[in-house]
Amino acid sequence: METVGKPLALLFTPMFLVRRLIFAAIAILVQNNGPLQVFVNAYASLVLIFFYVKVWPMTDTINNVIQLLNEVFFLVCIYLQLAFTDYTVDPEKKHDIGSAYLGFLGINVSVNVLLIGYTFVKQVQAYYKNKQKRPRSLKRPTPK
């Protein structure tokens, strides 16, 4: 993905990678403390959300929206995982929250597929629009 010519936009990739490293490190180092895992990952996610809103690092709006939506979905899923810790003792509540969690993940996947499909359709339209605008001298001859 191409970033806008802003100095802060260059931090997009390092921040993205650091967040992934934090996620992996917390999963390994703090295996027995679910709430701490949730809170550390939630704070890392919040930092990225603020970064996306403040900097808007990508050149096109659709990529910025996808990044922001994915981060918001991730943050909500992180918070929902608190329900799967020992602090929620009622198995029926855990089941209901698990169903909501899966539904939320389904919405996230659907939104991403729709946005990717929208981007694809726009690119195909632009391709054919540009193809029709080319002068005849630049068009390839048809084979005989």
Protein backbone atom coordinates (compact mmCIF):
# COMPACT_ATOMS: atom_id res chain seq x y z
CA MET A 1 0.00 0.00 0.00
CA GLU A 2 1.25 3.41 -0.90
CA THR A 3 1.44 6.04 1.81
CA VAL A 4 0.71 9.74 1.51
CA GLY A 5 3.69 12.11 1.37
CA LYS A 6 3.39 12.94 5.07
CA PRO A 7 6.28 12.13 7.41
CA LEU A 8 4.01 10.46 9.98
CA ALA A 9 2.55 8.18 7.29
CA LEU A 10 5.94 6.48 7.08
CA LEU A 11 5.30 5.10 10.57
CA PHE A 12 2.42 2.97 9.27
CA THR A 13 4.46 -0.18 8.58
CA PRO A 14 6.60 -0.06 11.75
CA MET A 15 3.51 0.51 13.91
CA PHE A 16 1.69 -2.32 12.15
CA LEU A 17 4.61 -4.68 12.77
CA VAL A 18 5.13 -3.60 16.38
CA ARG A 19 1.45 -4.26 17.11
CA ARG A 20 1.80 -7.77 15.68
CA LEU A 21 4.92 -8.35 17.79
CA ILE A 22 3.11 -7.13 20.92
CA PHE A 23 0.22 -9.47 20.14
CA ALA A 24 2.55 -12.46 19.75
CA ALA A 25 4.72 -11.58 22.76
CA ILE A 26 1.74 -11.13 25.06
CA ALA A 27 0.26 -14.46 23.94
CA ILE A 28 3.54 -16.21 24.79
CA LEU A 29 4.78 -14.30 27.85
CA VAL A 30 1.52 -13.80 29.74
CA GLN A 31 -0.26 -17.07 29.04
CA ASN A 32 -1.98 -17.32 32.41
CA ASN A 33 -3.34 -13.78 32.63
CA GLY A 34 -6.16 -13.30 30.11
CA PRO A 35 -7.27 -9.85 31.30
CA LEU A 36 -3.72 -8.49 31.01
CA GLN A 37 -3.52 -9.86 27.46
CA VAL A 38 -6.82 -8.18 26.61
CA PHE A 39 -5.86 -4.81 28.08
CA VAL A 40 -2.39 -4.66 26.49
CA ASN A 41 -3.77 -5.61 23.09
CA ALA A 42 -6.65 -3.16 23.49
CA TYR A 43 -4.29 -0.29 24.25
CA ALA A 44 -2.09 -1.19 21.27
CA SER A 45 -5.20 -1.27 19.10
CA LEU A 46 -6.37 2.11 20.42
CA VAL A 47 -2.99 3.63 19.56
CA LEU A 48 -3.35 2.38 15.99
CA ILE A 49 -6.93 3.68 15.73
CA PHE A 50 -5.83 7.13 16.86
CA PHE A 51 -2.94 6.97 14.39
CA TYR A 52 -5.24 6.04 11.48
CA VAL A 53 -7.71 8.80 12.34
CA LYS A 54 -5.04 11.47 12.85
CA VAL A 55 -2.66 10.64 9.98
CA TRP A 56 -4.94 8.91 7.41
CA PRO A 57 -1.78 7.29 6.02
CA MET A 58 -2.93 5.70 2.74
CA THR A 59 -3.33 7.58 -0.53
CA ASP A 60 -6.83 6.31 -1.22
CA THR A 61 -9.77 6.56 1.12
CA ILE A 62 -10.89 2.94 0.70
CA ASN A 63 -7.62 1.55 2.14
CA ASN A 64 -7.79 3.98 5.05
CA VAL A 65 -11.38 2.94 5.75
CA ILE A 66 -10.48 -0.76 5.57
CA GLN A 67 -7.57 -0.29 8.00
CA LEU A 68 -9.68 1.73 10.41
CA LEU A 69 -12.66 -0.64 10.29
CA ASN A 70 -10.45 -3.69 10.80
CA GLU A 71 -8.84 -2.06 13.81
CA VAL A 72 -12.21 -1.15 15.31
CA PHE A 73 -13.49 -4.69 14.72
CA PHE A 74 -10.32 -6.07 16.31
CA LEU A 75 -10.73 -3.81 19.34
CA VAL A 76 -14.33 -4.89 19.88
CA CYS A 77 -13.32 -8.55 19.56
CA ILE A 78 -10.53 -7.99 22.09
CA TYR A 79 -13.03 -6.54 24.57
CA LEU A 80 -15.47 -9.39 23.96
CA GLN A 81 -12.73 -11.85 24.89
CA LEU A 82 -12.94 -10.64 28.48
CA ALA A 83 -16.16 -12.62 28.66
CA PHE A 84 -14.23 -15.84 28.04
CA THR A 85 -12.06 -15.40 31.13
CA ASP A 86 -12.82 -16.84 34.57
CA TYR A 87 -14.60 -13.60 35.52
CA THR A 88 -17.67 -14.75 33.61
CA VAL A 89 -18.88 -17.88 35.38
CA ASP A 90 -22.25 -18.37 33.67
CA PRO A 91 -21.76 -20.73 30.69
CA GLU A 92 -24.95 -19.47 29.02
CA LYS A 93 -23.61 -15.91 29.01
CA LYS A 94 -20.32 -17.15 27.56
CA HIS A 95 -22.27 -18.97 24.85
CA ASP A 96 -24.35 -15.89 24.02
CA ILE A 97 -21.29 -13.66 23.91
CA GLY A 98 -19.51 -16.28 21.79
CA SER A 99 -22.39 -16.18 19.30
CA ALA A 100 -22.18 -12.38 19.19
CA TYR A 101 -18.41 -12.66 18.76
CA LEU A 102 -18.80 -14.99 15.77
CA GLY A 103 -21.47 -12.76 14.28
CA PHE A 104 -19.20 -9.76 14.66
CA LEU A 105 -16.36 -11.64 12.94
CA GLY A 106 -18.76 -12.57 10.14
CA ILE A 107 -19.70 -8.92 9.70
CA ASN A 108 -16.01 -7.99 9.57
CA VAL A 109 -15.27 -10.56 6.88
CA SER A 110 -18.35 -9.51 4.89
CA VAL A 111 -17.44 -5.81 5.02
CA ASN A 112 -13.89 -6.59 3.88
CA VAL A 113 -15.10 -8.75 0.99
CA LEU A 114 -17.58 -6.07 -0.08
CA LEU A 115 -14.94 -3.33 0.02
CA ILE A 116 -12.48 -5.47 -1.94
CA GLY A 117 -15.20 -6.28 -4.48
CA TYR A 118 -16.08 -2.58 -4.76
CA THR A 119 -12.42 -1.71 -5.34
CA PHE A 120 -12.11 -4.45 -7.96
CA VAL A 121 -15.19 -3.27 -9.86
CA LYS A 122 -13.90 0.33 -9.82
CA GLN A 123 -10.52 -0.79 -11.18
CA VAL A 124 -12.13 -2.83 -13.96
CA GLN A 125 -14.33 0.14 -14.89
CA ALA A 126 -11.30 2.45 -14.95
CA TYR A 127 -9.37 -0.03 -17.09
CA TYR A 128 -12.08 -0.24 -19.73
CA LYS A 129 -12.69 3.48 -19.63
CA ASN A 130 -8.98 4.14 -20.26
CA LYS A 131 -8.89 1.43 -22.94
CA GLN A 132 -11.66 3.18 -24.89
CA LYS A 133 -9.88 6.55 -24.67
CA ARG A 134 -6.66 5.26 -26.29
CA PRO A 135 -6.05 6.53 -29.84
CA ARG A 136 -6.46 3.96 -32.61
CA SER A 137 -2.77 4.14 -33.49
CA LEU A 138 -1.90 2.78 -30.05
CA LYS A 139 -4.41 -0.08 -30.16
CA ARG A 140 -3.06 -3.50 -30.99
CA PRO A 141 -3.86 -4.84 -34.42
CA THR A 142 -6.27 -7.74 -34.46
CA PRO A 143 -4.74 -11.07 -35.53
CA LYS A 144 -5.77 -12.46 -38.90
